[in-house]
Amino acid sequence: MSSYREMARSGASKQARALYLELRALGLEVRAENDTSGLANYRIVVGGLSSLSPVHADRLIRRVEANELGLARVLLERWNPDLHAIRTEGRLA
């Protein structure tokens, strides 16, 4: 890694992968949907949050919002070369 941007991207990638696996381990559905009203043309949808306590759900919503770009890249196969392994591990959790 030669630049701060690359290091930041790598850290964001790890956070997004970890968050994706955590959400799947909780039995939640995670998907990216097209959303032309936003700047990035996508939004992250997490289904099943009602099965969690309101405090836990709110904390996860804030984390998803903070990691939206990384999650979208993981879900849309644009960032992570190990996506197949991550998704497989998420399904097994």
C-alpha atoms as a PDB file:
ATOM      1  CA  MET A   1       0.000   0.000   0.000  1.00  0.00           C
ATOM      2  CA  SER A   2       1.510   3.236  -1.069  1.00  0.00           C
ATOM      3  CA  SER A   3      -0.989   5.871  -0.024  1.00  0.00           C
ATOM      4  CA  TYR A   4      -3.233   6.828   2.855  1.00  0.00           C
ATOM      5  CA  ARG A   5      -6.235   6.396   0.553  1.00  0.00           C
ATOM      6  CA  GLU A   6      -5.299   2.763  -0.126  1.00  0.00           C
ATOM      7  CA  MET A   7      -4.789   2.091   3.579  1.00  0.00           C
ATOM      8  CA  ALA A   8      -8.141   3.708   4.413  1.00  0.00           C
ATOM      9  CA  ARG A   9      -9.860   1.682   1.705  1.00  0.00           C
ATOM     10  CA  SER A  10      -8.334  -1.524   3.040  1.00  0.00           C
ATOM     11  CA  GLY A  11      -9.558  -0.717   6.568  1.00  0.00           C
ATOM     12  CA  ALA A  12     -13.016   0.161   5.272  1.00  0.00           C
ATOM     13  CA  SER A  13     -13.086  -3.088   3.322  1.00  0.00           C
ATOM     14  CA  LYS A  14     -12.298  -5.091   6.451  1.00  0.00           C
ATOM     15  CA  GLN A  15     -14.976  -3.247   8.429  1.00  0.00           C
ATOM     16  CA  ALA A  16     -17.579  -3.829   5.725  1.00  0.00           C
ATOM     17  CA  ARG A  17     -16.740  -7.538   5.483  1.00  0.00           C
ATOM     18  CA  ALA A  18     -16.905  -7.934   9.253  1.00  0.00           C
ATOM     19  CA  LEU A  19     -20.197  -6.048   9.447  1.00  0.00           C
ATOM     20  CA  TYR A  20     -21.685  -8.135   6.629  1.00  0.00           C
ATOM     21  CA  LEU A  21     -20.720 -11.348   8.433  1.00  0.00           C
ATOM     22  CA  GLU A  22     -22.091 -10.033  11.734  1.00  0.00           C
ATOM     23  CA  LEU A  23     -25.432  -9.135  10.145  1.00  0.00           C
ATOM     24  CA  ARG A  24     -25.690 -12.539   8.467  1.00  0.00           C
ATOM     25  CA  ALA A  25     -24.744 -14.312  11.727  1.00  0.00           C
ATOM     26  CA  LEU A  26     -27.672 -12.526  13.364  1.00  0.00           C
ATOM     27  CA  GLY A  27     -29.936 -14.027  10.696  1.00  0.00           C
ATOM     28  CA  LEU A  28     -30.565 -10.697   8.986  1.00  0.00           C
ATOM     29  CA  GLU A  29     -31.055 -10.244   5.258  1.00  0.00           C
ATOM     30  CA  VAL A  30     -28.612  -7.782   3.681  1.00  0.00           C
ATOM     31  CA  ARG A  31     -28.972  -6.525   0.135  1.00  0.00           C
ATOM     32  CA  ALA A  32     -28.136  -3.549  -2.071  1.00  0.00           C
ATOM     33  CA  GLU A  33     -30.956  -1.989  -4.082  1.00  0.00           C
ATOM     34  CA  ASN A  34     -30.861   0.587  -6.846  1.00  0.00           C
ATOM     35  CA  ASP A  35     -31.805   4.035  -5.606  1.00  0.00           C
ATOM     36  CA  THR A  36     -31.541   6.764  -8.219  1.00  0.00           C
ATOM     37  CA  SER A  37     -32.370   9.475  -5.683  1.00  0.00           C
ATOM     38  CA  GLY A  38     -29.011   9.077  -3.928  1.00  0.00           C
ATOM     39  CA  LEU A  39     -25.591  10.109  -5.124  1.00  0.00           C
ATOM     40  CA  ALA A  40     -24.272   6.546  -5.227  1.00  0.00           C
ATOM     41  CA  ASN A  41     -27.395   5.092  -6.930  1.00  0.00           C
ATOM     42  CA  TYR A  42     -27.854   2.382  -4.319  1.00  0.00           C
ATOM     43  CA  ARG A  43     -29.058   1.833  -0.791  1.00  0.00           C
ATOM     44  CA  ILE A  44     -28.418  -0.945   1.696  1.00  0.00           C
ATOM     45  CA  VAL A  45     -31.493  -2.753   2.987  1.00  0.00           C
ATOM     46  CA  VAL A  46     -31.329  -4.877   6.122  1.00  0.00           C
ATOM     47  CA  GLY A  47     -34.306  -7.131   6.734  1.00  0.00           C
ATOM     48  CA  GLY A  48     -35.208  -8.719  10.035  1.00  0.00           C
ATOM     49  CA  LEU A  49     -34.143  -5.924  12.371  1.00  0.00           C
ATOM     50  CA  SER A  50     -37.448  -6.222  14.226  1.00  0.00           C
ATOM     51  CA  SER A  51     -36.176  -9.493  15.694  1.00  0.00           C
ATOM     52  CA  LEU A  52     -33.571  -7.514  17.670  1.00  0.00           C
ATOM     53  CA  SER A  53     -33.977  -5.195  20.616  1.00  0.00           C
ATOM     54  CA  PRO A  54     -34.564  -1.566  19.568  1.00  0.00           C
ATOM     55  CA  VAL A  55     -31.212  -0.505  21.022  1.00  0.00           C
ATOM     56  CA  HIS A  56     -29.320  -3.232  19.147  1.00  0.00           C
ATOM     57  CA  ALA A  57     -31.210  -2.485  15.915  1.00  0.00           C
ATOM     58  CA  ASP A  58     -30.448   1.250  16.188  1.00  0.00           C
ATOM     59  CA  ARG A  59     -26.753   0.547  16.766  1.00  0.00           C
ATOM     60  CA  LEU A  60     -26.648  -1.718  13.697  1.00  0.00           C
ATOM     61  CA  ILE A  61     -28.492   0.840  11.563  1.00  0.00           C
ATOM     62  CA  ARG A  62     -25.889   3.485  12.446  1.00  0.00           C
ATOM     63  CA  ARG A  63     -23.067   1.073  11.598  1.00  0.00           C
ATOM     64  CA  VAL A  64     -24.689   0.142   8.282  1.00  0.00           C
ATOM     65  CA  GLU A  65     -25.080   3.820   7.411  1.00  0.00           C
ATOM     66  CA  ALA A  66     -21.435   4.486   8.289  1.00  0.00           C
ATOM     67  CA  ASN A  67     -20.284   1.530   6.150  1.00  0.00           C
ATOM     68  CA  GLU A  68     -22.791   1.870   3.311  1.00  0.00           C
ATOM     69  CA  LEU A  69     -20.244   2.205   0.512  1.00  0.00           C
ATOM     70  CA  GLY A  70     -18.170  -0.750   1.710  1.00  0.00           C
ATOM     71  CA  LEU A  71     -21.239  -2.946   2.160  1.00  0.00           C
ATOM     72  CA  ALA A  72     -22.476  -2.053  -1.313  1.00  0.00           C
ATOM     73  CA  ARG A  73     -19.130  -2.959  -2.796  1.00  0.00           C
ATOM     74  CA  VAL A  74     -19.116  -6.291  -0.958  1.00  0.00           C
ATOM     75  CA  LEU A  75     -22.698  -7.022  -2.012  1.00  0.00           C
ATOM     76  CA  LEU A  76     -22.193  -5.880  -5.599  1.00  0.00           C
ATOM     77  CA  GLU A  77     -18.881  -7.766  -5.949  1.00  0.00           C
ATOM     78  CA  ARG A  78     -16.937  -4.614  -6.749  1.00  0.00           C
ATOM     79  CA  TRP A  79     -14.374  -4.513  -4.000  1.00  0.00           C
ATOM     80  CA  ASN A  80     -13.494  -7.815  -2.493  1.00  0.00           C
ATOM     81  CA  PRO A  81     -11.762 -10.603  -4.393  1.00  0.00           C
ATOM     82  CA  ASP A  82     -12.723 -12.999  -1.588  1.00  0.00           C
ATOM     83  CA  LEU A  83     -16.445 -12.281  -1.902  1.00  0.00           C
ATOM     84  CA  HIS A  84     -17.399 -15.889  -2.555  1.00  0.00           C
ATOM     85  CA  ALA A  85     -15.735 -17.008   0.688  1.00  0.00           C
ATOM     86  CA  ILE A  86     -17.291 -14.125   2.636  1.00  0.00           C
ATOM     87  CA  ARG A  87     -20.778 -14.904   1.360  1.00  0.00           C
ATOM     88  CA  THR A  88     -20.320 -18.621   2.004  1.00  0.00           C
ATOM     89  CA  GLU A  89     -19.202 -17.918   5.563  1.00  0.00           C
ATOM     90  CA  GLY A  90     -22.160 -15.563   5.985  1.00  0.00           C
ATOM     91  CA  ARG A  91     -24.604 -18.260   4.920  1.00  0.00           C
ATOM     92  CA  LEU A  92     -23.048 -20.776   7.283  1.00  0.00           C
ATOM     93  CA  ALA A  93     -23.191 -18.427  10.269  1.00  0.00           C
END
